[in-house]
PDB file of all heavy atoms in Angstrom:
ATOM      1  N   ILE A   1      37.102 -26.895 -10.433  1.00  0.00           N
ATOM      2  CA  ILE A   1      37.328 -25.830 -11.463  1.00  0.00           C
ATOM      3  C   ILE A   1      38.708 -26.241 -12.055  1.00  0.00           C
ATOM      4  O   ILE A   1      38.935 -26.115 -13.295  1.00  0.00           O
ATOM      5  CB  ILE A   1      37.323 -24.427 -10.943  1.00  0.00           C
ATOM      6  CG1 ILE A   1      35.919 -24.010 -10.675  1.00  0.00           C
ATOM      7  CG2 ILE A   1      38.038 -23.509 -11.883  1.00  0.00           C
ATOM      8  CD1 ILE A   1      35.737 -22.676  -9.964  1.00  0.00           C
ATOM      9  N   ASP A   2      39.725 -26.589 -11.190  1.00  0.00           N
ATOM     10  CA  ASP A   2      41.044 -27.025 -11.747  1.00  0.00           C
ATOM     11  C   ASP A   2      40.919 -28.198 -12.629  1.00  0.00           C
ATOM     12  O   ASP A   2      41.580 -28.256 -13.733  1.00  0.00           O
ATOM     13  CB  ASP A   2      41.920 -27.311 -10.460  1.00  0.00           C
ATOM     14  CG  ASP A   2      42.272 -26.059  -9.677  1.00  0.00           C
ATOM     15  OD1 ASP A   2      42.278 -24.940 -10.368  1.00  0.00           O
ATOM     16  OD2 ASP A   2      42.723 -26.287  -8.507  1.00  0.00           O
ATOM     17  N   GLU A   3      40.102 -29.260 -12.202  1.00  0.00           N
ATOM     18  CA  GLU A   3      39.919 -30.534 -13.127  1.00  0.00           C
ATOM     19  C   GLU A   3      39.365 -30.075 -14.378  1.00  0.00           C
ATOM     20  O   GLU A   3      39.712 -30.549 -15.419  1.00  0.00           O
ATOM     21  CB  GLU A   3      39.122 -31.511 -12.302  1.00  0.00           C
ATOM     22  CG  GLU A   3      39.792 -32.189 -11.176  1.00  0.00           C
ATOM     23  CD  GLU A   3      38.947 -33.213 -10.546  1.00  0.00           C
ATOM     24  OE1 GLU A   3      38.631 -34.262 -11.274  1.00  0.00           O
ATOM     25  OE2 GLU A   3      38.455 -33.031  -9.452  1.00  0.00           O
ATOM     26  N   ILE A   4      38.276 -29.212 -14.315  1.00  0.00           N
ATOM     27  CA  ILE A   4      37.584 -28.799 -15.513  1.00  0.00           C
ATOM     28  C   ILE A   4      38.541 -28.013 -16.451  1.00  0.00           C
ATOM     29  O   ILE A   4      38.470 -28.296 -17.687  1.00  0.00           O
ATOM     30  CB  ILE A   4      36.295 -27.956 -15.198  1.00  0.00           C
ATOM     31  CG1 ILE A   4      35.249 -28.879 -14.487  1.00  0.00           C
ATOM     32  CG2 ILE A   4      35.824 -27.349 -16.387  1.00  0.00           C
ATOM     33  CD1 ILE A   4      34.049 -28.102 -13.801  1.00  0.00           C
ATOM     34  N   GLU A   5      39.351 -27.161 -15.909  1.00  0.00           N
ATOM     35  CA  GLU A   5      40.261 -26.396 -16.690  1.00  0.00           C
ATOM     36  C   GLU A   5      41.252 -27.325 -17.433  1.00  0.00           C
ATOM     37  O   GLU A   5      41.543 -27.172 -18.630  1.00  0.00           O
ATOM     38  CB  GLU A   5      41.066 -25.425 -15.949  1.00  0.00           C
ATOM     39  CG  GLU A   5      40.200 -24.084 -15.558  1.00  0.00           C
ATOM     40  CD  GLU A   5      41.027 -23.135 -14.689  1.00  0.00           C
ATOM     41  OE1 GLU A   5      42.072 -23.515 -14.141  1.00  0.00           O
ATOM     42  OE2 GLU A   5      40.501 -22.035 -14.435  1.00  0.00           O
ATOM     43  N   LYS A   6      41.828 -28.332 -16.742  1.00  0.00           N
ATOM     44  CA  LYS A   6      42.805 -29.246 -17.352  1.00  0.00           C
ATOM     45  C   LYS A   6      42.085 -30.053 -18.409  1.00  0.00           C
ATOM     46  O   LYS A   6      42.680 -30.209 -19.480  1.00  0.00           O
ATOM     47  CB  LYS A   6      43.276 -30.241 -16.270  1.00  0.00           C
ATOM     48  CG  LYS A   6      44.250 -29.638 -15.359  1.00  0.00           C
ATOM     49  CD  LYS A   6      44.690 -30.621 -14.300  1.00  0.00           C
ATOM     50  CE  LYS A   6      45.619 -29.966 -13.226  1.00  0.00           C
ATOM     51  NZ  LYS A   6      45.937 -30.900 -12.125  1.00  0.00           N
ATOM     52  N   LEU A   7      40.852 -30.492 -18.194  1.00  0.00           N
ATOM     53  CA  LEU A   7      40.095 -31.237 -19.206  1.00  0.00           C
ATOM     54  C   LEU A   7      39.863 -30.420 -20.423  1.00  0.00           C
ATOM     55  O   LEU A   7      39.843 -30.835 -21.591  1.00  0.00           O
ATOM     56  CB  LEU A   7      38.841 -31.831 -18.578  1.00  0.00           C
ATOM     57  CG  LEU A   7      38.143 -32.920 -19.470  1.00  0.00           C
ATOM     58  CD1 LEU A   7      39.178 -34.087 -19.768  1.00  0.00           C
ATOM     59  CD2 LEU A   7      37.007 -33.481 -18.609  1.00  0.00           C
ATOM     60  N   LEU A   8      39.371 -29.094 -20.154  1.00  0.00           N
ATOM     61  CA  LEU A   8      39.041 -28.168 -21.310  1.00  0.00           C
ATOM     62  C   LEU A   8      40.335 -27.935 -22.127  1.00  0.00           C
ATOM     63  O   LEU A   8      40.198 -27.685 -23.386  1.00  0.00           O
ATOM     64  CB  LEU A   8      38.412 -26.968 -20.766  1.00  0.00           C
ATOM     65  CG  LEU A   8      37.065 -27.014 -20.286  1.00  0.00           C
ATOM     66  CD1 LEU A   8      36.574 -25.732 -19.715  1.00  0.00           C
ATOM     67  CD2 LEU A   8      36.103 -27.464 -21.439  1.00  0.00           C
ATOM     68  N   ASP A   9      41.436 -27.818 -21.469  1.00  0.00           N
ATOM     69  CA  ASP A   9      42.672 -27.672 -22.327  1.00  0.00           C
ATOM     70  C   ASP A   9      42.901 -28.700 -23.371  1.00  0.00           C
ATOM     71  O   ASP A   9      43.544 -28.394 -24.435  1.00  0.00           O
ATOM     72  CB  ASP A   9      43.990 -27.675 -21.365  1.00  0.00           C
ATOM     73  CG  ASP A   9      43.977 -26.347 -20.548  1.00  0.00           C
ATOM     74  OD1 ASP A   9      43.329 -25.350 -20.871  1.00  0.00           O
ATOM     75  OD2 ASP A   9      44.662 -26.372 -19.486  1.00  0.00           O
ATOM     76  N   LYS A  10      42.448 -29.960 -23.121  1.00  0.00           N
ATOM     77  CA  LYS A  10      42.585 -30.972 -24.107  1.00  0.00           C
ATOM     78  C   LYS A  10      41.245 -30.998 -25.060  1.00  0.00           C
ATOM     79  O   LYS A  10      41.372 -31.248 -26.214  1.00  0.00           O
ATOM     80  CB  LYS A  10      42.707 -32.297 -23.416  1.00  0.00           C
ATOM     81  CG  LYS A  10      43.943 -32.495 -22.663  1.00  0.00           C
ATOM     82  CD  LYS A  10      43.904 -33.881 -21.892  1.00  0.00           C
ATOM     83  CE  LYS A  10      44.975 -34.019 -20.961  1.00  0.00           C
ATOM     84  NZ  LYS A  10      44.869 -35.262 -20.119  1.00  0.00           N
ATOM     85  N   TYR A  11      40.181 -30.838 -24.345  1.00  0.00           N
ATOM     86  CA  TYR A  11      38.825 -30.909 -25.017  1.00  0.00           C
ATOM     87  C   TYR A  11      38.613 -29.972 -26.081  1.00  0.00           C
ATOM     88  O   TYR A  11      38.299 -30.366 -27.258  1.00  0.00           O
ATOM     89  CB  TYR A  11      37.694 -30.928 -24.009  1.00  0.00           C
ATOM     90  CG  TYR A  11      36.385 -31.254 -24.549  1.00  0.00           C
ATOM     91  CD1 TYR A  11      35.930 -32.534 -24.932  1.00  0.00           C
ATOM     92  CD2 TYR A  11      35.360 -30.275 -24.612  1.00  0.00           C
ATOM     93  CE1 TYR A  11      34.804 -32.804 -25.431  1.00  0.00           C
ATOM     94  CE2 TYR A  11      34.159 -30.567 -25.192  1.00  0.00           C
ATOM     95  CZ  TYR A  11      33.800 -31.792 -25.544  1.00  0.00           C
ATOM     96  OH  TYR A  11      32.589 -32.115 -26.027  1.00  0.00           O
ATOM     97  N   ILE A  12      38.816 -28.631 -25.839  1.00  0.00           N
ATOM     98  CA  ILE A  12      38.513 -27.649 -26.837  1.00  0.00           C
ATOM     99  C   ILE A  12      39.364 -27.756 -28.201  1.00  0.00           C
ATOM    100  O   ILE A  12      38.745 -27.768 -29.189  1.00  0.00           O
ATOM    101  CB  ILE A  12      38.585 -26.278 -26.173  1.00  0.00           C
ATOM    102  CG1 ILE A  12      37.567 -26.052 -25.238  1.00  0.00           C
ATOM    103  CG2 ILE A  12      38.637 -25.184 -27.309  1.00  0.00           C
ATOM    104  CD1 ILE A  12      37.656 -24.752 -24.393  1.00  0.00           C
ATOM    105  N   PRO A  13      40.657 -27.936 -27.990  1.00  0.00           N
ATOM    106  CA  PRO A  13      41.305 -28.182 -29.349  1.00  0.00           C
ATOM    107  C   PRO A  13      40.914 -29.416 -30.035  1.00  0.00           C
ATOM    108  O   PRO A  13      40.883 -29.497 -31.323  1.00  0.00           O
ATOM    109  CB  PRO A  13      42.845 -28.302 -28.870  1.00  0.00           C
ATOM    110  CG  PRO A  13      42.864 -27.641 -27.513  1.00  0.00           C
ATOM    111  CD  PRO A  13      41.543 -27.868 -26.961  1.00  0.00           C
ATOM    112  N   ALA A  14      40.657 -30.495 -29.310  1.00  0.00           N
ATOM    113  CA  ALA A  14      40.220 -31.774 -29.952  1.00  0.00           C
ATOM    114  C   ALA A  14      38.795 -31.500 -30.653  1.00  0.00           C
ATOM    115  O   ALA A  14      38.669 -32.078 -31.752  1.00  0.00           O
ATOM    116  CB  ALA A  14      40.046 -32.892 -28.903  1.00  0.00           C
ATOM    117  N   VAL A  15      37.998 -30.753 -30.109  1.00  0.00           N
ATOM    118  CA  VAL A  15      36.670 -30.490 -30.708  1.00  0.00           C
ATOM    119  C   VAL A  15      36.768 -29.643 -32.019  1.00  0.00           C
ATOM    120  O   VAL A  15      36.306 -30.055 -33.033  1.00  0.00           O
ATOM    121  CB  VAL A  15      35.723 -29.869 -29.715  1.00  0.00           C
ATOM    122  CG1 VAL A  15      34.507 -29.347 -30.462  1.00  0.00           C
ATOM    123  CG2 VAL A  15      35.286 -30.769 -28.534  1.00  0.00           C
ATOM    124  N   GLU A  16      37.742 -28.700 -31.961  1.00  0.00           N
ATOM    125  CA  GLU A  16      38.012 -27.887 -33.047  1.00  0.00           C
ATOM    126  C   GLU A  16      38.595 -28.745 -34.225  1.00  0.00           C
ATOM    127  O   GLU A  16      38.319 -28.610 -35.365  1.00  0.00           O
ATOM    128  CB  GLU A  16      38.946 -26.715 -32.744  1.00  0.00           C
ATOM    129  CG  GLU A  16      38.260 -25.628 -31.918  1.00  0.00           C
ATOM    130  CD  GLU A  16      39.259 -24.593 -31.389  1.00  0.00           C
ATOM    131  OE1 GLU A  16      40.472 -24.695 -31.657  1.00  0.00           O
ATOM    132  OE2 GLU A  16      38.749 -23.602 -30.863  1.00  0.00           O
ATOM    133  N   GLN A  17      39.498 -29.589 -33.791  1.00  0.00           N
ATOM    134  CA  GLN A  17      40.194 -30.444 -34.876  1.00  0.00           C
ATOM    135  C   GLN A  17      39.131 -31.463 -35.480  1.00  0.00           C
ATOM    136  O   GLN A  17      39.059 -31.751 -36.656  1.00  0.00           O
ATOM    137  CB  GLN A  17      41.263 -31.325 -34.228  1.00  0.00           C
ATOM    138  CG  GLN A  17      41.983 -32.203 -35.223  1.00  0.00           C
ATOM    139  CD  GLN A  17      43.074 -33.029 -34.614  1.00  0.00           C
ATOM    140  OE1 GLN A  17      43.338 -32.920 -33.286  1.00  0.00           O
ATOM    141  NE2 GLN A  17      43.756 -33.845 -35.310  1.00  0.00           N
ATOM    142  N   MET A  18      38.210 -32.017 -34.611  1.00  0.00           N
ATOM    143  CA  MET A  18      37.200 -32.874 -35.128  1.00  0.00           C
ATOM    144  C   MET A  18      36.213 -32.111 -35.992  1.00  0.00           C
ATOM    145  O   MET A  18      35.844 -32.683 -36.975  1.00  0.00           O
ATOM    146  CB  MET A  18      36.341 -33.440 -33.816  1.00  0.00           C
ATOM    147  CG  MET A  18      35.260 -34.440 -34.270  1.00  0.00           C
ATOM    148  SD  MET A  18      35.894 -35.864 -35.316  1.00  0.00           S
ATOM    149  CE  MET A  18      36.778 -36.722 -34.128  1.00  0.00           C
ATOM    150  N   HIS A  19      35.930 -30.907 -35.715  1.00  0.00           N
ATOM    151  CA  HIS A  19      35.066 -30.063 -36.561  1.00  0.00           C
ATOM    152  C   HIS A  19      35.771 -29.903 -38.012  1.00  0.00           C
ATOM    153  O   HIS A  19      35.003 -30.067 -38.987  1.00  0.00           O
ATOM    154  CB  HIS A  19      34.931 -28.664 -35.979  1.00  0.00           C
ATOM    155  CG  HIS A  19      34.098 -27.775 -36.789  1.00  0.00           C
ATOM    156  ND1 HIS A  19      32.753 -27.902 -36.935  1.00  0.00           N
ATOM    157  CD2 HIS A  19      34.358 -26.698 -37.524  1.00  0.00           C
ATOM    158  CE1 HIS A  19      32.249 -26.967 -37.730  1.00  0.00           C
ATOM    159  NE2 HIS A  19      33.236 -26.194 -38.141  1.00  0.00           N
ATOM    160  N   THR A  20      37.059 -29.668 -37.983  1.00  0.00           N
ATOM    161  CA  THR A  20      37.725 -29.523 -39.294  1.00  0.00           C
ATOM    162  C   THR A  20      37.620 -30.846 -40.019  1.00  0.00           C
ATOM    163  O   THR A  20      37.381 -30.941 -41.223  1.00  0.00           O
ATOM    164  CB  THR A  20      39.155 -29.110 -39.015  1.00  0.00           C
ATOM    165  OG1 THR A  20      39.192 -27.943 -38.336  1.00  0.00           O
ATOM    166  CG2 THR A  20      39.978 -29.011 -40.271  1.00  0.00           C
ATOM    167  N   THR A  21      37.916 -31.992 -39.350  1.00  0.00           N
ATOM    168  CA  THR A  21      37.902 -33.283 -39.927  1.00  0.00           C
ATOM    169  C   THR A  21      36.620 -33.627 -40.498  1.00  0.00           C
ATOM    170  O   THR A  21      36.471 -34.153 -41.590  1.00  0.00           O
ATOM    171  CB  THR A  21      38.354 -34.397 -38.974  1.00  0.00           C
ATOM    172  OG1 THR A  21      39.712 -34.033 -38.403  1.00  0.00           O
ATOM    173  CG2 THR A  21      38.410 -35.764 -39.556  1.00  0.00           C
ATOM    174  N   LEU A  22      35.536 -33.290 -39.758  1.00  0.00           N
ATOM    175  CA  LEU A  22      34.122 -33.709 -40.174  1.00  0.00           C
ATOM    176  C   LEU A  22      33.661 -32.831 -41.335  1.00  0.00           C
ATOM    177  O   LEU A  22      32.924 -33.277 -42.187  1.00  0.00           O
ATOM    178  CB  LEU A  22      33.181 -33.587 -38.957  1.00  0.00           C
ATOM    179  CG  LEU A  22      33.349 -34.632 -37.957  1.00  0.00           C
ATOM    180  CD1 LEU A  22      32.360 -34.473 -36.810  1.00  0.00           C
ATOM    181  CD2 LEU A  22      33.379 -36.052 -38.475  1.00  0.00           C
ATOM    182  N   LYS A  23      34.174 -31.647 -41.376  1.00  0.00           N
ATOM    183  CA  LYS A  23      33.852 -30.841 -42.641  1.00  0.00           C
ATOM    184  C   LYS A  23      34.323 -31.564 -43.974  1.00  0.00           C
ATOM    185  O   LYS A  23      33.538 -31.527 -44.919  1.00  0.00           O
ATOM    186  CB  LYS A  23      34.632 -29.547 -42.659  1.00  0.00           C
ATOM    187  CG  LYS A  23      34.040 -28.387 -41.805  1.00  0.00           C
ATOM    188  CD  LYS A  23      34.804 -27.209 -42.068  1.00  0.00           C
ATOM    189  CE  LYS A  23      34.239 -25.919 -41.482  1.00  0.00           C
ATOM    190  NZ  LYS A  23      35.213 -24.859 -41.620  1.00  0.00           N
ATOM    191  N   LYS A  24      35.428 -32.254 -43.830  1.00  0.00           N
ATOM    192  CA  LYS A  24      36.010 -32.957 -45.005  1.00  0.00           C
ATOM    193  C   LYS A  24      35.012 -34.121 -45.357  1.00  0.00           C
ATOM    194  O   LYS A  24      34.826 -34.287 -46.627  1.00  0.00           O
ATOM    195  CB  LYS A  24      37.321 -33.484 -44.683  1.00  0.00           C
ATOM    196  CG  LYS A  24      37.948 -34.439 -45.748  1.00  0.00           C
ATOM    197  CD  LYS A  24      39.246 -34.984 -45.313  1.00  0.00           C
ATOM    198  CE  LYS A  24      39.739 -35.833 -46.380  1.00  0.00           C
ATOM    199  NZ  LYS A  24      41.049 -36.580 -45.954  1.00  0.00           N
ATOM    200  N   TYR A  25      34.399 -34.680 -44.401  1.00  0.00           N
ATOM    201  CA  TYR A  25      33.520 -35.857 -44.634  1.00  0.00           C
ATOM    202  C   TYR A  25      31.999 -35.440 -44.790  1.00  0.00           C
ATOM    203  O   TYR A  25      31.219 -36.318 -44.803  1.00  0.00           O
ATOM    204  CB  TYR A  25      33.764 -36.933 -43.635  1.00  0.00           C
ATOM    205  CG  TYR A  25      35.152 -37.492 -43.668  1.00  0.00           C
ATOM    206  CD1 TYR A  25      36.109 -37.228 -42.614  1.00  0.00           C
ATOM    207  CD2 TYR A  25      35.635 -38.202 -44.701  1.00  0.00           C
ATOM    208  CE1 TYR A  25      37.374 -37.645 -42.619  1.00  0.00           C
ATOM    209  CE2 TYR A  25      36.865 -38.715 -44.797  1.00  0.00           C
ATOM    210  CZ  TYR A  25      37.818 -38.468 -43.719  1.00  0.00           C
ATOM    211  OH  TYR A  25      39.043 -38.833 -43.746  1.00  0.00           O
ATOM    212  N   ASN A  26      31.782 -34.130 -44.600  1.00  0.00           N
ATOM    213  CA  ASN A  26      30.395 -33.716 -44.561  1.00  0.00           C
ATOM    214  C   ASN A  26      29.576 -34.276 -45.867  1.00  0.00           C
ATOM    215  O   ASN A  26      28.445 -34.577 -45.712  1.00  0.00           O
ATOM    216  CB  ASN A  26      30.305 -32.204 -44.536  1.00  0.00           C
ATOM    217  CG  ASN A  26      28.967 -31.706 -44.283  1.00  0.00           C
ATOM    218  OD1 ASN A  26      28.134 -32.335 -43.552  1.00  0.00           O
ATOM    219  ND2 ASN A  26      28.595 -30.590 -44.875  1.00  0.00           N
ATOM    220  N   VAL A  27      30.278 -34.239 -46.967  1.00  0.00           N
ATOM    221  CA  VAL A  27      29.588 -34.799 -48.133  1.00  0.00           C
ATOM    222  C   VAL A  27      29.200 -36.263 -48.024  1.00  0.00           C
ATOM    223  O   VAL A  27      28.048 -36.652 -48.258  1.00  0.00           O
ATOM    224  CB  VAL A  27      30.412 -34.552 -49.403  1.00  0.00           C
ATOM    225  CG1 VAL A  27      29.797 -35.265 -50.633  1.00  0.00           C
ATOM    226  CG2 VAL A  27      30.688 -33.126 -49.682  1.00  0.00           C
ATOM    227  N   ALA A  28      30.026 -36.930 -47.449  1.00  0.00           N
ATOM    228  CA  ALA A  28      29.839 -38.421 -47.241  1.00  0.00           C
ATOM    229  C   ALA A  28      28.634 -38.537 -46.230  1.00  0.00           C
ATOM    230  O   ALA A  28      27.744 -39.335 -46.425  1.00  0.00           O
ATOM    231  CB  ALA A  28      31.004 -39.122 -46.665  1.00  0.00           C
ATOM    232  N   PHE A  29      28.635 -37.719 -45.134  1.00  0.00           N
ATOM    233  CA  PHE A  29      27.483 -37.756 -44.218  1.00  0.00           C
ATOM    234  C   PHE A  29      26.228 -37.483 -44.876  1.00  0.00           C
ATOM    235  O   PHE A  29      25.205 -37.992 -44.625  1.00  0.00           O
ATOM    236  CB  PHE A  29      27.781 -36.881 -43.023  1.00  0.00           C
ATOM    237  CG  PHE A  29      28.948 -37.265 -42.132  1.00  0.00           C
ATOM    238  CD1 PHE A  29      29.805 -36.411 -41.640  1.00  0.00           C
ATOM    239  CD2 PHE A  29      28.952 -38.628 -41.771  1.00  0.00           C
ATOM    240  CE1 PHE A  29      30.833 -36.782 -40.822  1.00  0.00           C
ATOM    241  CE2 PHE A  29      30.089 -39.034 -40.912  1.00  0.00           C
ATOM    242  CZ  PHE A  29      30.999 -38.075 -40.408  1.00  0.00           C
ATOM    243  N   THR A  30      26.247 -36.354 -45.644  1.00  0.00           N
ATOM    244  CA  THR A  30      24.977 -35.856 -46.340  1.00  0.00           C
ATOM    245  C   THR A  30      24.508 -36.930 -47.289  1.00  0.00           C
ATOM    246  O   THR A  30      23.257 -37.168 -47.241  1.00  0.00           O
ATOM    247  CB  THR A  30      25.319 -34.548 -47.140  1.00  0.00           C
ATOM    248  OG1 THR A  30      25.916 -33.615 -46.260  1.00  0.00           O
ATOM    249  CG2 THR A  30      24.046 -33.991 -47.661  1.00  0.00           C
ATOM    250  N   ILE A  31      25.354 -37.541 -48.077  1.00  0.00           N
ATOM    251  CA  ILE A  31      24.937 -38.520 -49.006  1.00  0.00           C
ATOM    252  C   ILE A  31      24.325 -39.744 -48.232  1.00  0.00           C
ATOM    253  O   ILE A  31      23.303 -40.263 -48.556  1.00  0.00           O
ATOM    254  CB  ILE A  31      26.121 -38.975 -49.944  1.00  0.00           C
ATOM    255  CG1 ILE A  31      26.443 -37.848 -50.830  1.00  0.00           C
ATOM    256  CG2 ILE A  31      25.751 -40.277 -50.604  1.00  0.00           C
ATOM    257  CD1 ILE A  31      27.667 -38.070 -51.686  1.00  0.00           C
ATOM    258  N   THR A  32      25.047 -40.222 -47.162  1.00  0.00           N
ATOM    259  CA  THR A  32      24.603 -41.340 -46.376  1.00  0.00           C
ATOM    260  C   THR A  32      23.307 -40.941 -45.753  1.00  0.00           C
ATOM    261  O   THR A  32      22.381 -41.910 -45.719  1.00  0.00           O
ATOM    262  CB  THR A  32      25.668 -41.650 -45.257  1.00  0.00           C
ATOM    263  OG1 THR A  32      26.863 -41.934 -45.913  1.00  0.00           O
ATOM    264  CG2 THR A  32      25.291 -42.851 -44.500  1.00  0.00           C
ATOM    265  N   THR A  33      23.147 -39.841 -45.188  1.00  0.00           N
ATOM    266  CA  THR A  33      21.802 -39.402 -44.608  1.00  0.00           C
ATOM    267  C   THR A  33      20.708 -39.441 -45.597  1.00  0.00           C
ATOM    268  O   THR A  33      19.694 -39.944 -45.403  1.00  0.00           O
ATOM    269  CB  THR A  33      21.960 -37.965 -44.026  1.00  0.00           C
ATOM    270  OG1 THR A  33      22.965 -37.986 -43.021  1.00  0.00           O
ATOM    271  CG2 THR A  33      20.733 -37.662 -43.362  1.00  0.00           C
ATOM    272  N   SER A  34      21.057 -38.941 -46.862  1.00  0.00           N
ATOM    273  CA  SER A  34      20.053 -38.971 -47.926  1.00  0.00           C
ATOM    274  C   SER A  34      19.675 -40.328 -48.318  1.00  0.00           C
ATOM    275  O   SER A  34      18.466 -40.690 -48.409  1.00  0.00           O
ATOM    276  CB  SER A  34      20.588 -38.125 -49.134  1.00  0.00           C
ATOM    277  OG  SER A  34      19.729 -38.264 -50.197  1.00  0.00           O
ATOM    278  N   GLU A  35      20.675 -41.172 -48.444  1.00  0.00           N
ATOM    279  CA  GLU A  35      20.464 -42.613 -48.768  1.00  0.00           C
ATOM    280  C   GLU A  35      19.641 -43.332 -47.708  1.00  0.00           C
ATOM    281  O   GLU A  35      18.678 -44.150 -48.013  1.00  0.00           O
ATOM    282  CB  GLU A  35      21.787 -43.251 -49.061  1.00  0.00           C
ATOM    283  CG  GLU A  35      22.387 -42.953 -50.328  1.00  0.00           C
ATOM    284  CD  GLU A  35      23.845 -43.543 -50.521  1.00  0.00           C
ATOM    285  OE1 GLU A  35      24.297 -44.179 -49.436  1.00  0.00           O
ATOM    286  OE2 GLU A  35      24.416 -43.389 -51.600  1.00  0.00           O
ATOM    287  N   ASN A  36      19.983 -43.001 -46.393  1.00  0.00           N
ATOM    288  CA  ASN A  36      19.258 -43.654 -45.353  1.00  0.00           C
ATOM    289  C   ASN A  36      17.753 -43.146 -45.372  1.00  0.00           C
ATOM    290  O   ASN A  36      16.899 -44.041 -45.199  1.00  0.00           O
ATOM    291  CB  ASN A  36      19.855 -43.191 -44.023  1.00  0.00           C
ATOM    292  CG  ASN A  36      21.157 -44.082 -43.715  1.00  0.00           C
ATOM    293  OD1 ASN A  36      21.397 -45.128 -44.365  1.00  0.00           O
ATOM    294  ND2 ASN A  36      21.926 -43.641 -42.764  1.00  0.00           N
ATOM    295  N   LYS A  37      17.513 -41.934 -45.706  1.00  0.00           N
ATOM    296  CA  LYS A  37      16.080 -41.464 -45.722  1.00  0.00           C
ATOM    297  C   LYS A  37      15.328 -42.184 -46.867  1.00  0.00           C
ATOM    298  O   LYS A  37      14.223 -42.589 -46.675  1.00  0.00           O
ATOM    299  CB  LYS A  37      16.063 -39.919 -45.975  1.00  0.00           C
ATOM    300  CG  LYS A  37      16.382 -39.076 -44.756  1.00  0.00           C
ATOM    301  CD  LYS A  37      16.314 -37.599 -45.164  1.00  0.00           C
ATOM    302  CE  LYS A  37      16.637 -36.755 -43.893  1.00  0.00           C
ATOM    303  NZ  LYS A  37      16.658 -35.335 -44.200  1.00  0.00           N
ATOM    304  N   LYS A  38      15.958 -42.268 -47.954  1.00  0.00           N
ATOM    305  CA  LYS A  38      15.350 -42.995 -49.123  1.00  0.00           C
ATOM    306  C   LYS A  38      15.153 -44.429 -48.753  1.00  0.00           C
ATOM    307  O   LYS A  38      14.010 -45.007 -49.028  1.00  0.00           O
ATOM    308  CB  LYS A  38      16.281 -42.967 -50.378  1.00  0.00           C
ATOM    309  CG  LYS A  38      16.319 -41.586 -50.975  1.00  0.00           C
ATOM    310  CD  LYS A  38      17.332 -41.620 -52.226  1.00  0.00           C
ATOM    311  CE  LYS A  38      17.468 -40.198 -52.810  1.00  0.00           C
ATOM    312  NZ  LYS A  38      18.605 -40.126 -53.829  1.00  0.00           N
ATOM    313  N   LEU A  39      16.113 -45.083 -48.145  1.00  0.00           N
ATOM    314  CA  LEU A  39      15.887 -46.462 -47.698  1.00  0.00           C
ATOM    315  C   LEU A  39      14.793 -46.672 -46.707  1.00  0.00           C
ATOM    316  O   LEU A  39      13.911 -47.591 -46.700  1.00  0.00           O
ATOM    317  CB  LEU A  39      17.199 -47.055 -47.237  1.00  0.00           C
ATOM    318  CG  LEU A  39      18.302 -47.331 -48.234  1.00  0.00           C
ATOM    319  CD1 LEU A  39      19.638 -47.650 -47.552  1.00  0.00           C
ATOM    320  CD2 LEU A  39      17.834 -48.425 -49.205  1.00  0.00           C
ATOM    321  N   ARG A  40      14.697 -45.680 -45.668  1.00  0.00           N
ATOM    322  CA  ARG A  40      13.573 -45.732 -44.777  1.00  0.00           C
ATOM    323  C   ARG A  40      12.179 -45.639 -45.449  1.00  0.00           C
ATOM    324  O   ARG A  40      11.249 -46.268 -45.066  1.00  0.00           O
ATOM    325  CB  ARG A  40      13.836 -44.648 -43.752  1.00  0.00           C
ATOM    326  CG  ARG A  40      14.772 -45.067 -42.514  1.00  0.00           C
ATOM    327  CD  ARG A  40      14.527 -44.132 -41.416  1.00  0.00           C
ATOM    328  NE  ARG A  40      15.055 -42.715 -41.693  1.00  0.00           N
ATOM    329  CZ  ARG A  40      16.322 -42.391 -41.510  1.00  0.00           C
ATOM    330  NH1 ARG A  40      17.272 -43.238 -41.142  1.00  0.00           N
ATOM    331  NH2 ARG A  40      16.673 -41.140 -41.849  1.00  0.00           N
ATOM    332  N   LYS A  41      12.198 -44.676 -46.366  1.00  0.00           N
ATOM    333  CA  LYS A  41      10.907 -44.443 -47.075  1.00  0.00           C
ATOM    334  C   LYS A  41      10.488 -45.700 -47.881  1.00  0.00           C
ATOM    335  O   LYS A  41       9.344 -46.120 -47.857  1.00  0.00           O
ATOM    336  CB  LYS A  41      11.001 -43.264 -48.041  1.00  0.00           C
ATOM    337  CG  LYS A  41       9.778 -42.888 -48.670  1.00  0.00           C
ATOM    338  CD  LYS A  41       9.937 -41.606 -49.559  1.00  0.00           C
ATOM    339  CE  LYS A  41       8.637 -41.211 -50.171  1.00  0.00           C
ATOM    340  NZ  LYS A  41       8.748 -39.980 -50.892  1.00  0.00           N
ATOM    341  N   LYS A  42      11.543 -46.342 -48.624  1.00  0.00           N
ATOM    342  CA  LYS A  42      11.209 -47.547 -49.380  1.00  0.00           C
ATOM    343  C   LYS A  42      10.772 -48.651 -48.461  1.00  0.00           C
ATOM    344  O   LYS A  42       9.900 -49.437 -48.694  1.00  0.00           O
ATOM    345  CB  LYS A  42      12.445 -47.943 -50.116  1.00  0.00           C
ATOM    346  CG  LYS A  42      12.217 -49.145 -51.052  1.00  0.00           C
ATOM    347  CD  LYS A  42      13.306 -49.408 -51.986  1.00  0.00           C
ATOM    348  CE  LYS A  42      12.948 -50.368 -52.992  1.00  0.00           C
ATOM    349  NZ  LYS A  42      13.746 -50.432 -54.177  1.00  0.00           N
ATOM    350  N   ASN A  43      11.464 -48.756 -47.172  1.00  0.00           N
ATOM    351  CA  ASN A  43      11.168 -49.740 -46.292  1.00  0.00           C
ATOM    352  C   ASN A  43       9.681 -49.518 -45.755  1.00  0.00           C
ATOM    353  O   ASN A  43       8.999 -50.531 -45.585  1.00  0.00           O
ATOM    354  CB  ASN A  43      12.208 -49.679 -45.075  1.00  0.00           C
ATOM    355  CG  ASN A  43      11.998 -50.793 -44.097  1.00  0.00           C
ATOM    356  OD1 ASN A  43      11.488 -51.876 -44.520  1.00  0.00           O
ATOM    357  ND2 ASN A  43      12.305 -50.563 -42.898  1.00  0.00           N
TER     358      ASN A  43
END
C-alpha cells in the first residue's frame, strides 16, 4: 500500500497532464485514424 501510494502520487498527475496534452492533438489522432481506415479499405 505504501509503494502504491508513492507511485500514485506521481502517476495520477502525470495521467491528468497527458490527458490535457492529448486533447490538443486529438484532431491529429482523429485525422490519422480516419486516414488509416481509408488506407485499410483501399488496401
